[in-house]
Amino acid sequence: MRPSLVGLMVGLVLGLAGAFGGFDAFLLVAVLGAVGFLVGQVVEGRIDLSSYLSGSGGRR
């Protein structure tokens, strides 16, 4: 899917949330969209979290 189409869809969803749910719903949709984007980037392998999720916990 092209980035411009994804941006259009996100804008439409945020606009609908703002129009029908108010500012609180707008913020909730925006935050959950950002979380979903980050999860998608991790699943695709573009973001590597292995250094944060190591079993040692930073202790030696």
PDB file of N, CA and C in Angstrom:
ATOM      1  N   MET A   1       0.846  -1.170   0.000  1.00  0.00           N
ATOM      2  CA  MET A   1       0.000   0.000   0.000  1.00  0.00           C
ATOM      3  C   MET A   1       0.899   1.243   0.000  1.00  0.00           C
ATOM      4  N   ARG A   2       0.558   2.212  -0.810  1.00  0.00           N
ATOM      5  CA  ARG A   2       1.365   3.426  -0.924  1.00  0.00           C
ATOM      6  C   ARG A   2       1.254   4.279   0.339  1.00  0.00           C
ATOM      7  N   PRO A   3       2.360   4.938   0.706  1.00  0.00           N
ATOM      8  CA  PRO A   3       2.330   5.784   1.911  1.00  0.00           C
ATOM      9  C   PRO A   3       1.297   6.902   1.841  1.00  0.00           C
ATOM     10  N   SER A   4       1.054   7.448   0.658  1.00  0.00           N
ATOM     11  CA  SER A   4       0.060   8.520   0.557  1.00  0.00           C
ATOM     12  C   SER A   4      -1.342   7.997   0.850  1.00  0.00           C
ATOM     13  N   LEU A   5      -1.626   6.769   0.437  1.00  0.00           N
ATOM     14  CA  LEU A   5      -2.930   6.168   0.713  1.00  0.00           C
ATOM     15  C   LEU A   5      -3.083   5.856   2.203  1.00  0.00           C
ATOM     16  N   VAL A   6      -2.021   5.374   2.821  1.00  0.00           N
ATOM     17  CA  VAL A   6      -2.056   5.109   4.260  1.00  0.00           C
ATOM     18  C   VAL A   6      -2.264   6.418   5.024  1.00  0.00           C
ATOM     19  N   GLY A   7      -1.576   7.476   4.609  1.00  0.00           N
ATOM     20  CA  GLY A   7      -1.750   8.778   5.247  1.00  0.00           C
ATOM     21  C   GLY A   7      -3.163   9.305   5.101  1.00  0.00           C
ATOM     22  N   LEU A   8      -3.752   9.086   3.928  1.00  0.00           N
ATOM     23  CA  LEU A   8      -5.135   9.497   3.708  1.00  0.00           C
ATOM     24  C   LEU A   8      -6.073   8.754   4.643  1.00  0.00           C
ATOM     25  N   MET A   9      -5.900   7.453   4.770  1.00  0.00           N
ATOM     26  CA  MET A   9      -6.759   6.648   5.644  1.00  0.00           C
ATOM     27  C   MET A   9      -6.617   7.074   7.105  1.00  0.00           C
ATOM     28  N   VAL A  10      -5.390   7.302   7.534  1.00  0.00           N
ATOM     29  CA  VAL A  10      -5.163   7.737   8.916  1.00  0.00           C
ATOM     30  C   VAL A  10      -5.822   9.092   9.151  1.00  0.00           C
ATOM     31  N   GLY A  11      -5.683   9.999   8.208  1.00  0.00           N
ATOM     32  CA  GLY A  11      -6.314  11.308   8.342  1.00  0.00           C
ATOM     33  C   GLY A  11      -7.822  11.219   8.409  1.00  0.00           C
ATOM     34  N   LEU A  12      -8.405  10.346   7.596  1.00  0.00           N
ATOM     35  CA  LEU A  12      -9.856  10.174   7.630  1.00  0.00           C
ATOM     36  C   LEU A  12     -10.332   9.610   8.966  1.00  0.00           C
ATOM     37  N   VAL A  13      -9.629   8.622   9.463  1.00  0.00           N
ATOM     38  CA  VAL A  13     -10.012   8.012  10.746  1.00  0.00           C
ATOM     39  C   VAL A  13      -9.877   9.028  11.878  1.00  0.00           C
ATOM     40  N   LEU A  14      -8.780   9.780  11.880  1.00  0.00           N
ATOM     41  CA  LEU A  14      -8.607  10.791  12.926  1.00  0.00           C
ATOM     42  C   LEU A  14      -9.662  11.890  12.810  1.00  0.00           C
ATOM     43  N   GLY A  15      -9.989  12.258  11.592  1.00  0.00           N
ATOM     44  CA  GLY A  15     -11.034  13.264  11.400  1.00  0.00           C
ATOM     45  C   GLY A  15     -12.382  12.791  11.891  1.00  0.00           C
ATOM     46  N   LEU A  16     -12.730  11.555  11.594  1.00  0.00           N
ATOM     47  CA  LEU A  16     -14.000  11.008  12.073  1.00  0.00           C
ATOM     48  C   LEU A  16     -14.026  10.894  13.593  1.00  0.00           C
ATOM     49  N   ALA A  17     -12.909  10.475  14.171  1.00  0.00           N
ATOM     50  CA  ALA A  17     -12.854  10.377  15.629  1.00  0.00           C
ATOM     51  C   ALA A  17     -13.010  11.748  16.264  1.00  0.00           C
ATOM     52  N   GLY A  18     -12.393  12.759  15.676  1.00  0.00           N
ATOM     53  CA  GLY A  18     -12.518  14.114  16.202  1.00  0.00           C
ATOM     54  C   GLY A  18     -13.912  14.675  16.027  1.00  0.00           C
ATOM     55  N   ALA A  19     -14.551  14.364  14.902  1.00  0.00           N
ATOM     56  CA  ALA A  19     -15.871  14.911  14.620  1.00  0.00           C
ATOM     57  C   ALA A  19     -16.957  14.275  15.481  1.00  0.00           C
ATOM     58  N   PHE A  20     -16.887  12.986  15.662  1.00  0.00           N
ATOM     59  CA  PHE A  20     -17.961  12.283  16.368  1.00  0.00           C
ATOM     60  C   PHE A  20     -17.646  11.984  17.831  1.00  0.00           C
ATOM     61  N   GLY A  21     -16.390  11.941  18.188  1.00  0.00           N
ATOM     62  CA  GLY A  21     -16.042  11.569  19.552  1.00  0.00           C
ATOM     63  C   GLY A  21     -15.439  12.680  20.370  1.00  0.00           C
ATOM     64  N   GLY A  22     -15.107  13.784  19.744  1.00  0.00           N
ATOM     65  CA  GLY A  22     -14.483  14.882  20.466  1.00  0.00           C
ATOM     66  C   GLY A  22     -12.977  14.745  20.517  1.00  0.00           C
ATOM     67  N   PHE A  23     -12.376  15.672  21.252  1.00  0.00           N
ATOM     68  CA  PHE A  23     -10.915  15.722  21.312  1.00  0.00           C
ATOM     69  C   PHE A  23     -10.320  14.519  22.019  1.00  0.00           C
ATOM     70  N   ASP A  24     -10.985  14.002  23.047  1.00  0.00           N
ATOM     71  CA  ASP A  24     -10.472  12.827  23.769  1.00  0.00           C
ATOM     72  C   ASP A  24     -10.395  11.619  22.852  1.00  0.00           C
ATOM     73  N   ALA A  25     -11.416  11.407  22.050  1.00  0.00           N
ATOM     74  CA  ALA A  25     -11.409  10.287  21.114  1.00  0.00           C
ATOM     75  C   ALA A  25     -10.331  10.485  20.052  1.00  0.00           C
ATOM     76  N   PHE A  26     -10.143  11.729  19.616  1.00  0.00           N
ATOM     77  CA  PHE A  26      -9.099  12.036  18.647  1.00  0.00           C
ATOM     78  C   PHE A  26      -7.730  11.646  19.193  1.00  0.00           C
ATOM     79  N   LEU A  27      -7.451  12.036  20.431  1.00  0.00           N
ATOM     80  CA  LEU A  27      -6.164  11.698  21.044  1.00  0.00           C
ATOM     81  C   LEU A  27      -5.996  10.192  21.225  1.00  0.00           C
ATOM     82  N   LEU A  28      -7.061   9.519  21.646  1.00  0.00           N
ATOM     83  CA  LEU A  28      -6.990   8.074  21.836  1.00  0.00           C
ATOM     84  C   LEU A  28      -6.686   7.373  20.520  1.00  0.00           C
ATOM     85  N   VAL A  29      -7.351   7.762  19.455  1.00  0.00           N
ATOM     86  CA  VAL A  29      -7.107   7.146  18.147  1.00  0.00           C
ATOM     87  C   VAL A  29      -5.691   7.451  17.673  1.00  0.00           C
ATOM     88  N   ALA A  30      -5.209   8.666  17.889  1.00  0.00           N
ATOM     89  CA  ALA A  30      -3.861   9.037  17.471  1.00  0.00           C
ATOM     90  C   ALA A  30      -2.803   8.229  18.218  1.00  0.00           C
ATOM     91  N   VAL A  31      -2.969   8.078  19.531  1.00  0.00           N
ATOM     92  CA  VAL A  31      -1.993   7.322  20.332  1.00  0.00           C
ATOM     93  C   VAL A  31      -2.016   5.845  19.960  1.00  0.00           C
ATOM     94  N   LEU A  32      -3.204   5.273  19.828  1.00  0.00           N
ATOM     95  CA  LEU A  32      -3.283   3.862  19.459  1.00  0.00           C
ATOM     96  C   LEU A  32      -2.770   3.627  18.042  1.00  0.00           C
ATOM     97  N   GLY A  33      -2.962   4.579  17.164  1.00  0.00           N
ATOM     98  CA  GLY A  33      -2.406   4.472  15.819  1.00  0.00           C
ATOM     99  C   GLY A  33      -0.888   4.483  15.839  1.00  0.00           C
ATOM    100  N   ALA A  34      -0.300   5.329  16.673  1.00  0.00           N
ATOM    101  CA  ALA A  34       1.155   5.370  16.791  1.00  0.00           C
ATOM    102  C   ALA A  34       1.701   4.065  17.370  1.00  0.00           C
ATOM    103  N   VAL A  35       1.016   3.523  18.361  1.00  0.00           N
ATOM    104  CA  VAL A  35       1.430   2.237  18.938  1.00  0.00           C
ATOM    105  C   VAL A  35       1.339   1.133  17.889  1.00  0.00           C
ATOM    106  N   GLY A  36       0.263   1.119  17.136  1.00  0.00           N
ATOM    107  CA  GLY A  36       0.111   0.134  16.074  1.00  0.00           C
ATOM    108  C   GLY A  36       1.181   0.267  15.013  1.00  0.00           C
ATOM    109  N   PHE A  37       1.547   1.494  14.673  1.00  0.00           N
ATOM    110  CA  PHE A  37       2.616   1.724  13.709  1.00  0.00           C
ATOM    111  C   PHE A  37       3.931   1.164  14.222  1.00  0.00           C
ATOM    112  N   LEU A  38       4.251   1.427  15.479  1.00  0.00           N
ATOM    113  CA  LEU A  38       5.501   0.919  16.048  1.00  0.00           C
ATOM    114  C   LEU A  38       5.520  -0.602  16.106  1.00  0.00           C
ATOM    115  N   VAL A  39       4.413  -1.214  16.466  1.00  0.00           N
ATOM    116  CA  VAL A  39       4.338  -2.679  16.484  1.00  0.00           C
ATOM    117  C   VAL A  39       4.532  -3.228  15.079  1.00  0.00           C
ATOM    118  N   GLY A  40       3.936  -2.593  14.096  1.00  0.00           N
ATOM    119  CA  GLY A  40       4.117  -3.016  12.714  1.00  0.00           C
ATOM    120  C   GLY A  40       5.558  -2.911  12.265  1.00  0.00           C
ATOM    121  N   GLN A  41       6.248  -1.852  12.685  1.00  0.00           N
ATOM    122  CA  GLN A  41       7.654  -1.700  12.334  1.00  0.00           C
ATOM    123  C   GLN A  41       8.512  -2.781  12.980  1.00  0.00           C
ATOM    124  N   VAL A  42       8.189  -3.155  14.204  1.00  0.00           N
ATOM    125  CA  VAL A  42       8.922  -4.227  14.877  1.00  0.00           C
ATOM    126  C   VAL A  42       8.680  -5.554  14.169  1.00  0.00           C
ATOM    127  N   VAL A  43       7.436  -5.839  13.805  1.00  0.00           N
ATOM    128  CA  VAL A  43       7.104  -7.090  13.132  1.00  0.00           C
ATOM    129  C   VAL A  43       7.792  -7.177  11.771  1.00  0.00           C
ATOM    130  N   GLU A  44       7.876  -6.057  11.051  1.00  0.00           N
ATOM    131  CA  GLU A  44       8.535  -6.041   9.750  1.00  0.00           C
ATOM    132  C   GLU A  44      10.048  -6.119   9.869  1.00  0.00           C
ATOM    133  N   GLY A  45      10.598  -5.904  11.048  1.00  0.00           N
ATOM    134  CA  GLY A  45      12.033  -5.975  11.251  1.00  0.00           C
ATOM    135  C   GLY A  45      12.752  -4.655  11.039  1.00  0.00           C
ATOM    136  N   ARG A  46      12.035  -3.567  10.912  1.00  0.00           N
ATOM    137  CA  ARG A  46      12.662  -2.262  10.712  1.00  0.00           C
ATOM    138  C   ARG A  46      13.156  -1.663  12.016  1.00  0.00           C
ATOM    139  N   ILE A  47      12.581  -2.083  13.139  1.00  0.00           N
ATOM    140  CA  ILE A  47      13.014  -1.639  14.460  1.00  0.00           C
ATOM    141  C   ILE A  47      13.452  -2.875  15.229  1.00  0.00           C
ATOM    142  N   ASP A  48      14.672  -2.820  15.787  1.00  0.00           N
ATOM    143  CA  ASP A  48      15.219  -3.958  16.522  1.00  0.00           C
ATOM    144  C   ASP A  48      15.179  -3.663  18.016  1.00  0.00           C
ATOM    145  N   LEU A  49      14.416  -4.466  18.747  1.00  0.00           N
ATOM    146  CA  LEU A  49      14.288  -4.281  20.192  1.00  0.00           C
ATOM    147  C   LEU A  49      15.067  -5.315  20.993  1.00  0.00           C
ATOM    148  N   SER A  50      15.919  -6.086  20.335  1.00  0.00           N
ATOM    149  CA  SER A  50      16.611  -7.180  21.028  1.00  0.00           C
ATOM    150  C   SER A  50      17.519  -6.666  22.147  1.00  0.00           C
ATOM    151  N   SER A  51      18.108  -5.483  21.994  1.00  0.00           N
ATOM    152  CA  SER A  51      18.967  -4.966  23.060  1.00  0.00           C
ATOM    153  C   SER A  51      18.168  -4.578  24.300  1.00  0.00           C
ATOM    154  N   TYR A  52      16.898  -4.205  24.100  1.00  0.00           N
ATOM    155  CA  TYR A  52      16.044  -3.842  25.237  1.00  0.00           C
ATOM    156  C   TYR A  52      15.394  -5.050  25.883  1.00  0.00           C
ATOM    157  N   LEU A  53      15.250  -6.127  25.138  1.00  0.00           N
ATOM    158  CA  LEU A  53      14.547  -7.300  25.628  1.00  0.00           C
ATOM    159  C   LEU A  53      15.469  -8.452  26.006  1.00  0.00           C
ATOM    160  N   SER A  54      16.748  -8.161  26.220  1.00  0.00           N
ATOM    161  CA  SER A  54      17.681  -9.229  26.586  1.00  0.00           C
ATOM    162  C   SER A  54      17.366  -9.740  27.984  1.00  0.00           C
ATOM    163  N   GLY A  55      17.649 -11.002  28.203  1.00  0.00           N
ATOM    164  CA  GLY A  55      17.300 -11.640  29.470  1.00  0.00           C
ATOM    165  C   GLY A  55      18.137 -11.212  30.640  1.00  0.00           C
ATOM    166  N   SER A  56      19.296 -10.573  30.420  1.00  0.00           N
ATOM    167  CA  SER A  56      20.183 -10.222  31.530  1.00  0.00           C
ATOM    168  C   SER A  56      19.662  -9.045  32.335  1.00  0.00           C
ATOM    169  N   GLY A  57      18.854  -8.197  31.755  1.00  0.00           N
ATOM    170  CA  GLY A  57      18.335  -7.045  32.478  1.00  0.00           C
ATOM    171  C   GLY A  57      19.380  -5.981  32.730  1.00  0.00           C
ATOM    172  N   GLY A  58      20.495  -6.027  32.012  1.00  0.00           N
ATOM    173  CA  GLY A  58      21.536  -5.024  32.172  1.00  0.00           C
ATOM    174  C   GLY A  58      22.483  -5.298  33.326  1.00  0.00           C
ATOM    175  N   ARG A  59      22.309  -6.420  34.012  1.00  0.00           N
ATOM    176  CA  ARG A  59      23.177  -6.757  35.144  1.00  0.00           C
ATOM    177  C   ARG A  59      24.299  -7.671  34.678  1.00  0.00           C
ATOM    178  N   ARG A  60      25.431  -7.608  35.372  1.00  0.00           N
ATOM    179  CA  ARG A  60      26.568  -8.489  35.039  1.00  0.00           C
ATOM    180  C   ARG A  60      26.821  -9.471  36.138  1.00  0.00           C
TER     181      ARG A  60
END
